[in-house]
Amino acid sequence: MEHSRLALFALYASRDFGAAVARHLELALSPHEEREFEDGEHKSRPLVSVRGRDAFVVQSLYADGQQSVNDKLLRLLLFIGALRDAGAASVTAMVPYLAYARKDQKSKPRDPVSTRYVAAMFEAVGVDRVVTLDVHNLAAFQNAFRCRTDHLQANGLFVAHFAPLVGERPVVVVSPDAGGIKRAERFRERLERALGRPVAAAFAEKHRSEDVVSGDMMVGPVAGRCAIIIDDLIGSGTTIARTARACRELGATAVYAAASHGLFVGQAPQVLGGDALDGLAVTDTVPPFRLGAAPAAGKLALLPATRLFAEAIRRLHGGDSLVELLEG
C-alpha cells in the first residue's frame, strides 16, 4: 500500500483506538492540533499537508468524562471540513460507534429522525464516506446517507471468541427481541460453519413503551444448551439481563452475551453482575470504563476491532473490495 498518499488521523478522544489501527497498517498517525478556547469553543487542524491525499479520521462517538457525544460529533465534523478545505482528495470518517443511530424512525408524533439529520451534517462538511460497525438498523443507516457508507460487522470477532469457549456443548444463539433476529441469524450461520455442526436459534419477546420493557415469552430450543445472546449494543443492560434470566429458567446450561458496543450506562454494572450471565463479550469501539470494579467487569472479554478497521482502510485506499469485511 502506498503510504505517501494516505493520511490517518485520530482525534484526541479516540487516540488509543486510532493508534492501534495505525500499528496494524504499519504507519504513524498523522499529526494534528486541537485547541480549546475560554468560552468552550475549539478548533482542530491537520499539521501536515493533505492536498491530493486520501484522509481517514478516527473518532468514536460515545460520551465519557471529558467530552459529550455532541462534543465529539462536532469536533469530527469541523475536522472533516478542515481536511476538505485543505485539499484532501477524499475524506473518510472511520466511526467505530456512531451516535444517534438508534433514533432512526418516528415512534411518536413530531419525533425527530436523528439518524437522517446526523447524516446531513456529515454530508454538509464534505465527507466522502462513513465507515462504522454494527449500527442498530442497517437499512435506516444506508438510506439516511447520500454519501458512500460501509458497515462492518463484528461477527468474525465473536465467532473466534465463542467457538473454542463452547467446545462440544450444544449451542443456541438467542436474539433478545424479534427486531434482532436477522443479526442473530448471521452470527448463528457463521458460528455453525466454524463449529462444523448445527447451532439452534431462539428469540425472546420484548416490548418497550416509555422506557418500560415487558414480555417474557421465549421461542426456540434453549433447555440443555449453551445460550449465546447476541445484540448490537448494551445500554442499561436490562434487555440482556432479562433474556439471560429467561434462558436460565428454561434450562440453559450456560448463558453468554455478546454485543458490538458496550455503553454500560446507568445500573448496567450491577444489572449484568447477577448469576444468570456466565460471560460477556464486547468490542473496544467504546472502552468499558463505566464498569469499574463491578462484578460484571470480571465477566467481560474485550475484543479489539482495530484490525478490522485497519483492513477496511487498507482496502479502501488500495481500491480493493470490502465484501468479506461487510459480510462479517
C-alpha atoms as a PDB file:
ATOM      1  CA  MET A   1       0.000   0.000   0.000  1.00  0.00           C
ATOM      2  CA  GLU A   2       1.326   3.443  -0.930  1.00  0.00           C
ATOM      3  CA  HIS A   3       1.517   5.219   2.436  1.00  0.00           C
ATOM      4  CA  SER A   4       2.558   8.547   0.935  1.00  0.00           C
ATOM      5  CA  ARG A   5      -0.974   9.158  -0.372  1.00  0.00           C
ATOM      6  CA  LEU A   6      -2.681   8.113   2.877  1.00  0.00           C
ATOM      7  CA  ALA A   7      -3.123  10.368   5.900  1.00  0.00           C
ATOM      8  CA  LEU A   8      -4.564   8.729   9.019  1.00  0.00           C
ATOM      9  CA  PHE A   9      -5.776  10.954  11.857  1.00  0.00           C
ATOM     10  CA  ALA A  10      -7.293  10.078  15.212  1.00  0.00           C
ATOM     11  CA  LEU A  11      -8.856  12.868  17.232  1.00  0.00           C
ATOM     12  CA  TYR A  12      -7.638  13.044  20.820  1.00  0.00           C
ATOM     13  CA  ALA A  13     -10.690  11.341  22.302  1.00  0.00           C
ATOM     14  CA  SER A  14     -10.093   8.250  20.123  1.00  0.00           C
ATOM     15  CA  ARG A  15      -6.295   8.389  20.125  1.00  0.00           C
ATOM     16  CA  ASP A  16      -5.767   4.909  21.583  1.00  0.00           C
ATOM     17  CA  PHE A  17      -8.108   3.238  19.103  1.00  0.00           C
ATOM     18  CA  GLY A  18      -6.579   5.165  16.206  1.00  0.00           C
ATOM     19  CA  ALA A  19      -3.027   4.352  17.281  1.00  0.00           C
ATOM     20  CA  ALA A  20      -3.868   0.643  17.300  1.00  0.00           C
ATOM     21  CA  VAL A  21      -5.342   0.948  13.805  1.00  0.00           C
ATOM     22  CA  ALA A  22      -2.160   2.690  12.669  1.00  0.00           C
ATOM     23  CA  ARG A  23       0.026  -0.094  14.098  1.00  0.00           C
ATOM     24  CA  HIS A  24      -1.891  -2.696  12.089  1.00  0.00           C
ATOM     25  CA  LEU A  25      -1.241  -0.603   8.987  1.00  0.00           C
ATOM     26  CA  GLU A  26       2.426  -0.180   9.942  1.00  0.00           C
ATOM     27  CA  LEU A  27       2.282   3.588   9.726  1.00  0.00           C
ATOM     28  CA  ALA A  28       2.244   6.506  12.133  1.00  0.00           C
ATOM     29  CA  LEU A  29      -0.774   8.650  12.882  1.00  0.00           C
ATOM     30  CA  SER A  30      -0.636  11.960  11.035  1.00  0.00           C
ATOM     31  CA  PRO A  31      -0.146  14.875  13.456  1.00  0.00           C
ATOM     32  CA  HIS A  32      -2.928  17.352  14.108  1.00  0.00           C
ATOM     33  CA  GLU A  33      -3.789  20.093  16.577  1.00  0.00           C
ATOM     34  CA  GLU A  34      -6.851  20.528  18.788  1.00  0.00           C
ATOM     35  CA  ARG A  35      -7.155  23.801  20.686  1.00  0.00           C
ATOM     36  CA  GLU A  36      -9.628  24.834  23.358  1.00  0.00           C
ATOM     37  CA  PHE A  37     -10.885  28.391  23.856  1.00  0.00           C
ATOM     38  CA  GLU A  38     -12.093  30.012  27.063  1.00  0.00           C
ATOM     39  CA  ASP A  39     -15.773  30.055  26.110  1.00  0.00           C
ATOM     40  CA  GLY A  40     -15.887  26.337  25.264  1.00  0.00           C
ATOM     41  CA  GLU A  41     -15.283  26.707  21.540  1.00  0.00           C
ATOM     42  CA  HIS A  42     -12.481  24.762  19.909  1.00  0.00           C
ATOM     43  CA  LYS A  43     -10.637  24.271  16.663  1.00  0.00           C
ATOM     44  CA  SER A  44      -8.685  21.455  15.065  1.00  0.00           C
ATOM     45  CA  ARG A  45      -6.466  21.275  12.020  1.00  0.00           C
ATOM     46  CA  PRO A  46      -4.032  18.873  10.346  1.00  0.00           C
ATOM     47  CA  LEU A  47      -0.352  19.677  10.868  1.00  0.00           C
ATOM     48  CA  VAL A  48       0.734  18.030   7.620  1.00  0.00           C
ATOM     49  CA  SER A  49      -0.295  18.660   4.034  1.00  0.00           C
ATOM     50  CA  VAL A  50      -3.250  16.548   2.927  1.00  0.00           C
ATOM     51  CA  ARG A  51      -3.512  18.026  -0.559  1.00  0.00           C
ATOM     52  CA  GLY A  52      -4.190  15.234  -3.029  1.00  0.00           C
ATOM     53  CA  ARG A  53      -4.151  12.573  -0.282  1.00  0.00           C
ATOM     54  CA  ASP A  54      -6.782  10.136   0.989  1.00  0.00           C
ATOM     55  CA  ALA A  55      -7.549  11.269   4.543  1.00  0.00           C
ATOM     56  CA  PHE A  56      -9.069   8.913   7.130  1.00  0.00           C
ATOM     57  CA  VAL A  57     -10.267  10.229  10.505  1.00  0.00           C
ATOM     58  CA  VAL A  58     -10.973   8.001  13.514  1.00  0.00           C
ATOM     59  CA  GLN A  59     -13.485   9.216  16.090  1.00  0.00           C
ATOM     60  CA  SER A  60     -15.865   7.040  18.113  1.00  0.00           C
ATOM     61  CA  LEU A  61     -18.971   8.944  19.211  1.00  0.00           C
ATOM     62  CA  TYR A  62     -19.682   7.981  22.831  1.00  0.00           C
ATOM     63  CA  ALA A  63     -19.774  10.186  25.920  1.00  0.00           C
ATOM     64  CA  ASP A  64     -17.021   9.989  28.516  1.00  0.00           C
ATOM     65  CA  GLY A  65     -15.828  12.064  31.460  1.00  0.00           C
ATOM     66  CA  GLN A  66     -14.207  14.692  29.244  1.00  0.00           C
ATOM     67  CA  GLN A  67     -16.440  15.083  26.182  1.00  0.00           C
ATOM     68  CA  SER A  68     -20.109  14.505  25.430  1.00  0.00           C
ATOM     69  CA  VAL A  69     -21.409  12.734  22.342  1.00  0.00           C
ATOM     70  CA  ASN A  70     -22.221  16.147  20.881  1.00  0.00           C
ATOM     71  CA  ASP A  71     -18.709  17.456  21.590  1.00  0.00           C
ATOM     72  CA  LYS A  72     -17.155  14.543  19.768  1.00  0.00           C
ATOM     73  CA  LEU A  73     -19.550  14.760  16.835  1.00  0.00           C
ATOM     74  CA  LEU A  74     -18.943  18.482  16.314  1.00  0.00           C
ATOM     75  CA  ARG A  75     -15.169  18.104  16.607  1.00  0.00           C
ATOM     76  CA  LEU A  76     -15.242  15.372  13.984  1.00  0.00           C
ATOM     77  CA  LEU A  77     -17.408  17.427  11.620  1.00  0.00           C
ATOM     78  CA  LEU A  78     -15.209  20.530  11.932  1.00  0.00           C
ATOM     79  CA  PHE A  79     -12.054  18.488  11.356  1.00  0.00           C
ATOM     80  CA  ILE A  80     -13.555  16.870   8.256  1.00  0.00           C
ATOM     81  CA  GLY A  81     -14.360  20.350   6.956  1.00  0.00           C
ATOM     82  CA  ALA A  82     -10.785  21.470   7.599  1.00  0.00           C
ATOM     83  CA  LEU A  83      -9.412  18.476   5.689  1.00  0.00           C
ATOM     84  CA  ARG A  84     -11.699  19.201   2.769  1.00  0.00           C
ATOM     85  CA  ASP A  85     -10.683  22.869   2.703  1.00  0.00           C
ATOM     86  CA  ALA A  86      -7.018  21.817   2.849  1.00  0.00           C
ATOM     87  CA  GLY A  87      -7.376  19.956  -0.447  1.00  0.00           C
ATOM     88  CA  ALA A  88      -7.690  16.312   0.598  1.00  0.00           C
ATOM     89  CA  ALA A  89      -8.511  14.111  -2.393  1.00  0.00           C
ATOM     90  CA  SER A  90     -11.016  12.204  -0.252  1.00  0.00           C
ATOM     91  CA  VAL A  91     -12.112  12.224   3.378  1.00  0.00           C
ATOM     92  CA  THR A  92     -13.389   9.078   5.099  1.00  0.00           C
ATOM     93  CA  ALA A  93     -14.845   9.165   8.608  1.00  0.00           C
ATOM     94  CA  MET A  94     -13.989   5.977  10.498  1.00  0.00           C
ATOM     95  CA  VAL A  95     -16.621   5.986  13.250  1.00  0.00           C
ATOM     96  CA  PRO A  96     -16.415   2.789  15.349  1.00  0.00           C
ATOM     97  CA  TYR A  97     -19.524   3.739  17.333  1.00  0.00           C
ATOM     98  CA  LEU A  98     -21.982   6.017  15.535  1.00  0.00           C
ATOM     99  CA  ALA A  99     -24.123   8.134  17.855  1.00  0.00           C
ATOM    100  CA  TYR A 100     -27.822   8.772  17.188  1.00  0.00           C
ATOM    101  CA  ALA A 101     -28.104   5.629  15.049  1.00  0.00           C
ATOM    102  CA  ARG A 102     -30.872   4.225  17.272  1.00  0.00           C
ATOM    103  CA  LYS A 103     -33.287   7.086  16.582  1.00  0.00           C
ATOM    104  CA  ASP A 104     -33.944   6.038  13.013  1.00  0.00           C
ATOM    105  CA  GLN A 105     -37.724   6.413  12.756  1.00  0.00           C
ATOM    106  CA  LYS A 106     -40.684   8.320  14.172  1.00  0.00           C
ATOM    107  CA  SER A 107     -42.138   6.381  17.093  1.00  0.00           C
ATOM    108  CA  LYS A 108     -44.286   9.262  18.400  1.00  0.00           C
ATOM    109  CA  PRO A 109     -45.922  12.305  16.781  1.00  0.00           C
ATOM    110  CA  ARG A 110     -43.390  15.005  15.766  1.00  0.00           C
ATOM    111  CA  ASP A 111     -40.451  12.763  16.672  1.00  0.00           C
ATOM    112  CA  PRO A 112     -37.067  13.600  15.130  1.00  0.00           C
ATOM    113  CA  VAL A 113     -35.329  11.139  12.833  1.00  0.00           C
ATOM    114  CA  SER A 114     -31.895  11.842  14.256  1.00  0.00           C
ATOM    115  CA  THR A 115     -30.018   9.366  12.063  1.00  0.00           C
ATOM    116  CA  ARG A 116     -31.002  11.297   8.956  1.00  0.00           C
ATOM    117  CA  TYR A 117     -30.098  14.677  10.470  1.00  0.00           C
ATOM    118  CA  VAL A 118     -26.646  13.451  11.517  1.00  0.00           C
ATOM    119  CA  ALA A 119     -26.125  12.090   8.003  1.00  0.00           C
ATOM    120  CA  ALA A 120     -26.931  15.525   6.593  1.00  0.00           C
ATOM    121  CA  MET A 121     -24.308  17.095   8.875  1.00  0.00           C
ATOM    122  CA  PHE A 122     -21.614  14.728   7.628  1.00  0.00           C
ATOM    123  CA  GLU A 123     -22.531  15.465   4.035  1.00  0.00           C
ATOM    124  CA  ALA A 124     -22.610  19.242   4.658  1.00  0.00           C
ATOM    125  CA  VAL A 125     -18.918  19.301   5.655  1.00  0.00           C
ATOM    126  CA  GLY A 126     -17.901  17.314   2.587  1.00  0.00           C
ATOM    127  CA  VAL A 127     -17.270  13.780   3.816  1.00  0.00           C
ATOM    128  CA  ASP A 128     -16.870  11.220   1.036  1.00  0.00           C
ATOM    129  CA  ARG A 129     -17.521   8.067   3.030  1.00  0.00           C
ATOM    130  CA  VAL A 130     -18.607   6.988   6.513  1.00  0.00           C
ATOM    131  CA  VAL A 131     -17.469   3.619   7.881  1.00  0.00           C
ATOM    132  CA  THR A 132     -18.922   2.230  11.086  1.00  0.00           C
ATOM    133  CA  LEU A 133     -19.508  -1.044  12.923  1.00  0.00           C
ATOM    134  CA  ASP A 134     -22.846  -2.784  13.544  1.00  0.00           C
ATOM    135  CA  VAL A 135     -25.413   0.004  13.616  1.00  0.00           C
ATOM    136  CA  HIS A 136     -28.812  -0.667  15.158  1.00  0.00           C
ATOM    137  CA  ASN A 137     -30.726  -0.621  11.874  1.00  0.00           C
ATOM    138  CA  LEU A 138     -28.662  -1.261   8.761  1.00  0.00           C
ATOM    139  CA  ALA A 139     -31.373  -0.270   6.262  1.00  0.00           C
ATOM    140  CA  ALA A 140     -32.006   3.030   8.070  1.00  0.00           C
ATOM    141  CA  PHE A 141     -28.270   3.774   8.149  1.00  0.00           C
ATOM    142  CA  GLN A 142     -27.818   3.079   4.452  1.00  0.00           C
ATOM    143  CA  ASN A 143     -30.886   5.083   3.467  1.00  0.00           C
ATOM    144  CA  ALA A 144     -30.014   8.090   5.651  1.00  0.00           C
ATOM    145  CA  PHE A 145     -26.738   8.864   3.879  1.00  0.00           C
ATOM    146  CA  ARG A 146     -26.336  10.072   0.311  1.00  0.00           C
ATOM    147  CA  CYS A 147     -22.550   9.722   0.510  1.00  0.00           C
ATOM    148  CA  ARG A 148     -20.935   6.308   0.403  1.00  0.00           C
ATOM    149  CA  THR A 149     -21.197   4.162   3.527  1.00  0.00           C
ATOM    150  CA  ASP A 150     -19.656   0.896   4.638  1.00  0.00           C
ATOM    151  CA  HIS A 151     -20.979  -1.169   7.503  1.00  0.00           C
ATOM    152  CA  LEU A 152     -18.524  -3.541   9.173  1.00  0.00           C
ATOM    153  CA  GLN A 153     -19.643  -6.460  11.306  1.00  0.00           C
ATOM    154  CA  ALA A 154     -18.146  -7.960  14.459  1.00  0.00           C
ATOM    155  CA  ASN A 155     -19.417 -11.499  13.834  1.00  0.00           C
ATOM    156  CA  GLY A 156     -15.952 -12.789  12.963  1.00  0.00           C
ATOM    157  CA  LEU A 157     -14.610 -11.490  16.285  1.00  0.00           C
ATOM    158  CA  PHE A 158     -17.450 -13.100  18.232  1.00  0.00           C
ATOM    159  CA  VAL A 159     -17.135 -16.443  16.450  1.00  0.00           C
ATOM    160  CA  ALA A 160     -13.391 -16.553  17.122  1.00  0.00           C
ATOM    161  CA  HIS A 161     -14.125 -15.886  20.812  1.00  0.00           C
ATOM    162  CA  PHE A 162     -17.055 -18.239  21.356  1.00  0.00           C
ATOM    163  CA  ALA A 163     -16.175 -21.249  19.172  1.00  0.00           C
ATOM    164  CA  PRO A 164     -13.412 -22.523  21.496  1.00  0.00           C
ATOM    165  CA  LEU A 165     -15.386 -21.430  24.563  1.00  0.00           C
ATOM    166  CA  VAL A 166     -18.455 -23.587  23.854  1.00  0.00           C
ATOM    167  CA  GLY A 167     -16.393 -26.606  22.804  1.00  0.00           C
ATOM    168  CA  GLU A 168     -18.531 -29.659  22.122  1.00  0.00           C
ATOM    169  CA  ARG A 169     -21.578 -28.405  24.022  1.00  0.00           C
ATOM    170  CA  PRO A 170     -24.892 -27.985  22.164  1.00  0.00           C
ATOM    171  CA  VAL A 171     -25.444 -24.294  21.409  1.00  0.00           C
ATOM    172  CA  VAL A 172     -28.364 -21.957  20.787  1.00  0.00           C
ATOM    173  CA  VAL A 173     -27.982 -18.377  19.543  1.00  0.00           C
ATOM    174  CA  VAL A 174     -30.604 -16.097  21.097  1.00  0.00           C
ATOM    175  CA  SER A 175     -31.882 -12.770  19.827  1.00  0.00           C
ATOM    176  CA  PRO A 176     -33.149 -10.641  22.744  1.00  0.00           C
ATOM    177  CA  ASP A 177     -36.028  -9.342  20.616  1.00  0.00           C
ATOM    178  CA  ALA A 178     -37.740 -10.000  17.298  1.00  0.00           C
ATOM    179  CA  GLY A 179     -36.049  -6.994  15.702  1.00  0.00           C
ATOM    180  CA  GLY A 180     -32.621  -8.568  16.126  1.00  0.00           C
ATOM    181  CA  ILE A 181     -33.422 -11.932  14.550  1.00  0.00           C
ATOM    182  CA  LYS A 182     -31.590 -11.215  11.283  1.00  0.00           C
ATOM    183  CA  ARG A 183     -28.500 -10.053  13.178  1.00  0.00           C
ATOM    184  CA  ALA A 184     -28.551 -13.173  15.348  1.00  0.00           C
ATOM    185  CA  GLU A 185     -29.080 -15.390  12.318  1.00  0.00           C
ATOM    186  CA  ARG A 186     -25.983 -14.029  10.580  1.00  0.00           C
ATOM    187  CA  PHE A 187     -23.935 -14.820  13.681  1.00  0.00           C
ATOM    188  CA  ARG A 188     -25.567 -18.253  14.073  1.00  0.00           C
ATOM    189  CA  GLU A 189     -24.749 -19.242  10.492  1.00  0.00           C
ATOM    190  CA  ARG A 190     -21.117 -18.204  10.860  1.00  0.00           C
ATOM    191  CA  LEU A 191     -20.760 -19.951  14.228  1.00  0.00           C
ATOM    192  CA  GLU A 192     -22.322 -23.085  12.751  1.00  0.00           C
ATOM    193  CA  ARG A 193     -19.735 -23.110   9.958  1.00  0.00           C
ATOM    194  CA  ALA A 194     -16.913 -22.637  12.446  1.00  0.00           C
ATOM    195  CA  LEU A 195     -18.127 -25.425  14.732  1.00  0.00           C
ATOM    196  CA  GLY A 196     -18.998 -27.783  11.869  1.00  0.00           C
ATOM    197  CA  ARG A 197     -22.280 -28.820  13.488  1.00  0.00           C
ATOM    198  CA  PRO A 198     -25.832 -27.474  13.851  1.00  0.00           C
ATOM    199  CA  VAL A 199     -26.481 -24.451  16.064  1.00  0.00           C
ATOM    200  CA  ALA A 200     -30.055 -23.757  17.150  1.00  0.00           C
ATOM    201  CA  ALA A 201     -31.838 -20.392  17.121  1.00  0.00           C
ATOM    202  CA  ALA A 202     -34.213 -18.713  19.565  1.00  0.00           C
ATOM    203  CA  PHE A 203     -35.596 -15.261  20.276  1.00  0.00           C
ATOM    204  CA  ALA A 204     -37.163 -13.522  23.245  1.00  0.00           C
ATOM    205  CA  GLU A 205     -40.313 -11.446  23.359  1.00  0.00           C
ATOM    206  CA  LYS A 206     -39.727  -7.780  24.138  1.00  0.00           C
ATOM    207  CA  HIS A 207     -41.963  -4.712  24.159  1.00  0.00           C
ATOM    208  CA  ARG A 208     -40.784  -1.214  25.056  1.00  0.00           C
ATOM    209  CA  SER A 209     -43.057   1.713  25.911  1.00  0.00           C
ATOM    210  CA  GLU A 210     -41.988   4.880  27.733  1.00  0.00           C
ATOM    211  CA  ASP A 211     -38.674   3.112  28.515  1.00  0.00           C
ATOM    212  CA  VAL A 212     -40.517   0.277  30.269  1.00  0.00           C
ATOM    213  CA  VAL A 213     -39.612  -3.174  28.911  1.00  0.00           C
ATOM    214  CA  SER A 214     -42.071  -6.073  29.112  1.00  0.00           C
ATOM    215  CA  GLY A 215     -42.621  -9.538  27.623  1.00  0.00           C
ATOM    216  CA  ASP A 216     -41.488 -12.936  28.906  1.00  0.00           C
ATOM    217  CA  MET A 217     -42.030 -15.424  26.075  1.00  0.00           C
ATOM    218  CA  MET A 218     -39.100 -17.324  24.548  1.00  0.00           C
ATOM    219  CA  VAL A 219     -39.353 -19.082  21.190  1.00  0.00           C
ATOM    220  CA  GLY A 220     -36.821 -21.779  20.354  1.00  0.00           C
ATOM    221  CA  PRO A 221     -34.940 -24.687  21.978  1.00  0.00           C
ATOM    222  CA  VAL A 222     -32.978 -23.461  24.985  1.00  0.00           C
ATOM    223  CA  ALA A 223     -33.076 -26.311  27.536  1.00  0.00           C
ATOM    224  CA  GLY A 224     -29.847 -28.266  27.805  1.00  0.00           C
ATOM    225  CA  ARG A 225     -27.927 -25.868  25.567  1.00  0.00           C
ATOM    226  CA  CYS A 226     -25.276 -23.232  25.969  1.00  0.00           C
ATOM    227  CA  ALA A 227     -27.054 -19.977  25.087  1.00  0.00           C
ATOM    228  CA  ILE A 228     -25.303 -17.049  23.390  1.00  0.00           C
ATOM    229  CA  ILE A 229     -27.346 -13.837  23.383  1.00  0.00           C
ATOM    230  CA  ILE A 230     -26.315 -11.534  20.537  1.00  0.00           C
ATOM    231  CA  ASP A 231     -27.165  -7.839  20.202  1.00  0.00           C
ATOM    232  CA  ASP A 232     -25.752  -4.690  18.624  1.00  0.00           C
ATOM    233  CA  LEU A 233     -25.498  -2.621  21.818  1.00  0.00           C
ATOM    234  CA  ILE A 234     -25.689  -2.855  25.586  1.00  0.00           C
ATOM    235  CA  GLY A 235     -27.044   0.297  27.195  1.00  0.00           C
ATOM    236  CA  SER A 236     -28.548  -0.125  30.655  1.00  0.00           C
ATOM    237  CA  GLY A 237     -28.147  -3.915  30.441  1.00  0.00           C
ATOM    238  CA  THR A 238     -31.795  -4.660  31.251  1.00  0.00           C
ATOM    239  CA  THR A 239     -32.541  -6.383  27.930  1.00  0.00           C
ATOM    240  CA  ILE A 240     -29.528  -8.715  28.186  1.00  0.00           C
ATOM    241  CA  ALA A 241     -30.218  -9.432  31.872  1.00  0.00           C
ATOM    242  CA  ARG A 242     -33.901 -10.256  31.234  1.00  0.00           C
ATOM    243  CA  THR A 243     -33.020 -12.558  28.365  1.00  0.00           C
ATOM    244  CA  ALA A 244     -30.283 -14.271  30.386  1.00  0.00           C
ATOM    245  CA  ARG A 245     -32.704 -14.967  33.254  1.00  0.00           C
ATOM    246  CA  ALA A 246     -35.280 -16.349  30.814  1.00  0.00           C
ATOM    247  CA  CYS A 247     -32.670 -18.683  29.316  1.00  0.00           C
ATOM    248  CA  ARG A 248     -31.714 -19.922  32.785  1.00  0.00           C
ATOM    249  CA  GLU A 249     -35.333 -20.520  33.744  1.00  0.00           C
ATOM    250  CA  LEU A 250     -35.831 -22.562  30.588  1.00  0.00           C
ATOM    251  CA  GLY A 251     -32.876 -24.817  31.402  1.00  0.00           C
ATOM    252  CA  ALA A 252     -29.882 -23.347  29.583  1.00  0.00           C
ATOM    253  CA  THR A 253     -26.677 -24.937  30.899  1.00  0.00           C
ATOM    254  CA  ALA A 254     -24.682 -21.723  30.434  1.00  0.00           C
ATOM    255  CA  VAL A 255     -25.531 -18.210  29.246  1.00  0.00           C
ATOM    256  CA  TYR A 256     -23.208 -15.792  27.476  1.00  0.00           C
ATOM    257  CA  ALA A 257     -23.901 -12.457  25.832  1.00  0.00           C
ATOM    258  CA  ALA A 258     -22.190 -10.525  23.065  1.00  0.00           C
ATOM    259  CA  ALA A 259     -22.732  -7.006  21.761  1.00  0.00           C
ATOM    260  CA  SER A 260     -20.710  -4.916  19.385  1.00  0.00           C
ATOM    261  CA  HIS A 261     -20.894  -1.790  21.561  1.00  0.00           C
ATOM    262  CA  GLY A 262     -20.884  -1.749  25.355  1.00  0.00           C
ATOM    263  CA  LEU A 263     -22.081   1.594  26.738  1.00  0.00           C
ATOM    264  CA  PHE A 264     -22.906   0.154  30.214  1.00  0.00           C
ATOM    265  CA  VAL A 265     -24.864   3.211  31.330  1.00  0.00           C
ATOM    266  CA  GLY A 266     -26.943   3.639  34.483  1.00  0.00           C
ATOM    267  CA  GLN A 267     -27.161   0.472  36.581  1.00  0.00           C
ATOM    268  CA  ALA A 268     -25.643  -1.790  33.924  1.00  0.00           C
ATOM    269  CA  PRO A 269     -22.583  -2.708  36.061  1.00  0.00           C
ATOM    270  CA  GLN A 270     -24.924  -4.071  38.742  1.00  0.00           C
ATOM    271  CA  VAL A 271     -27.649  -5.439  36.438  1.00  0.00           C
ATOM    272  CA  LEU A 272     -25.172  -7.559  34.482  1.00  0.00           C
ATOM    273  CA  GLY A 273     -23.385  -8.836  37.574  1.00  0.00           C
ATOM    274  CA  GLY A 274     -26.025 -11.428  38.502  1.00  0.00           C
ATOM    275  CA  ASP A 275     -25.630 -15.186  38.374  1.00  0.00           C
ATOM    276  CA  ALA A 276     -27.709 -15.647  35.222  1.00  0.00           C
ATOM    277  CA  LEU A 277     -24.893 -14.478  32.947  1.00  0.00           C
ATOM    278  CA  ASP A 278     -21.675 -16.501  32.777  1.00  0.00           C
ATOM    279  CA  GLY A 279     -19.745 -14.257  30.435  1.00  0.00           C
ATOM    280  CA  LEU A 280     -19.952 -11.149  28.293  1.00  0.00           C
ATOM    281  CA  ALA A 281     -18.081 -10.052  25.161  1.00  0.00           C
ATOM    282  CA  VAL A 282     -17.989  -6.606  23.553  1.00  0.00           C
ATOM    283  CA  THR A 283     -15.641  -4.887  21.128  1.00  0.00           C
ATOM    284  CA  ASP A 284     -13.459  -1.927  22.040  1.00  0.00           C
ATOM    285  CA  THR A 285     -15.413   0.638  19.994  1.00  0.00           C
ATOM    286  CA  VAL A 286     -16.433   2.013  23.408  1.00  0.00           C
ATOM    287  CA  PRO A 287     -13.989   1.428  26.293  1.00  0.00           C
ATOM    288  CA  PRO A 288     -15.788  -0.267  29.237  1.00  0.00           C
ATOM    289  CA  PHE A 289     -14.756   2.462  31.696  1.00  0.00           C
ATOM    290  CA  ARG A 290     -18.200   2.590  33.314  1.00  0.00           C
ATOM    291  CA  LEU A 291     -17.925  -0.971  34.642  1.00  0.00           C
ATOM    292  CA  GLY A 292     -15.165  -0.037  37.065  1.00  0.00           C
ATOM    293  CA  ALA A 293     -14.643  -2.828  39.601  1.00  0.00           C
ATOM    294  CA  ALA A 294     -18.254  -4.071  39.440  1.00  0.00           C
ATOM    295  CA  PRO A 295     -18.817  -7.852  39.255  1.00  0.00           C
ATOM    296  CA  ALA A 296     -19.793  -7.522  35.600  1.00  0.00           C
ATOM    297  CA  ALA A 297     -16.241  -6.397  34.798  1.00  0.00           C
ATOM    298  CA  GLY A 298     -14.949  -9.817  35.836  1.00  0.00           C
ATOM    299  CA  LYS A 299     -17.144 -11.462  33.220  1.00  0.00           C
ATOM    300  CA  LEU A 300     -16.088  -9.207  30.366  1.00  0.00           C
ATOM    301  CA  ALA A 301     -13.995 -10.138  27.337  1.00  0.00           C
ATOM    302  CA  LEU A 302     -12.943  -7.051  25.369  1.00  0.00           C
ATOM    303  CA  LEU A 303     -12.408  -7.914  21.691  1.00  0.00           C
ATOM    304  CA  PRO A 304     -10.277  -5.486  19.641  1.00  0.00           C
ATOM    305  CA  ALA A 305     -11.958  -4.213  16.468  1.00  0.00           C
ATOM    306  CA  THR A 306      -8.940  -2.162  15.397  1.00  0.00           C
ATOM    307  CA  ARG A 307      -7.597  -4.764  12.949  1.00  0.00           C
ATOM    308  CA  LEU A 308     -10.982  -4.823  11.221  1.00  0.00           C
ATOM    309  CA  PHE A 309     -10.930  -1.037  10.742  1.00  0.00           C
ATOM    310  CA  ALA A 310      -7.297  -1.142   9.625  1.00  0.00           C
ATOM    311  CA  GLU A 311      -8.124  -3.710   6.969  1.00  0.00           C
ATOM    312  CA  ALA A 312     -11.044  -1.575   5.788  1.00  0.00           C
ATOM    313  CA  ILE A 313      -8.693   1.403   5.396  1.00  0.00           C
ATOM    314  CA  ARG A 314      -6.148  -0.741   3.577  1.00  0.00           C
ATOM    315  CA  ARG A 315      -8.742  -1.947   1.092  1.00  0.00           C
ATOM    316  CA  LEU A 316     -10.441   1.405   0.582  1.00  0.00           C
ATOM    317  CA  HIS A 317      -7.144   3.168  -0.031  1.00  0.00           C
ATOM    318  CA  GLY A 318      -5.996   0.406  -2.360  1.00  0.00           C
ATOM    319  CA  GLY A 319      -9.254   0.264  -4.296  1.00  0.00           C
ATOM    320  CA  ASP A 320      -9.940  -3.324  -3.191  1.00  0.00           C
ATOM    321  CA  SER A 321     -13.248  -4.975  -2.305  1.00  0.00           C
ATOM    322  CA  LEU A 322     -14.711  -4.797   1.195  1.00  0.00           C
ATOM    323  CA  VAL A 323     -17.194  -7.611   0.618  1.00  0.00           C
ATOM    324  CA  GLU A 324     -15.526 -10.061   3.007  1.00  0.00           C
ATOM    325  CA  LEU A 325     -15.470  -7.477   5.802  1.00  0.00           C
ATOM    326  CA  LEU A 326     -19.050  -6.359   5.200  1.00  0.00           C
ATOM    327  CA  GLU A 327     -20.355  -9.896   5.393  1.00  0.00           C
ATOM    328  CA  GLY A 328     -18.994 -10.152   8.931  1.00  0.00           C
END
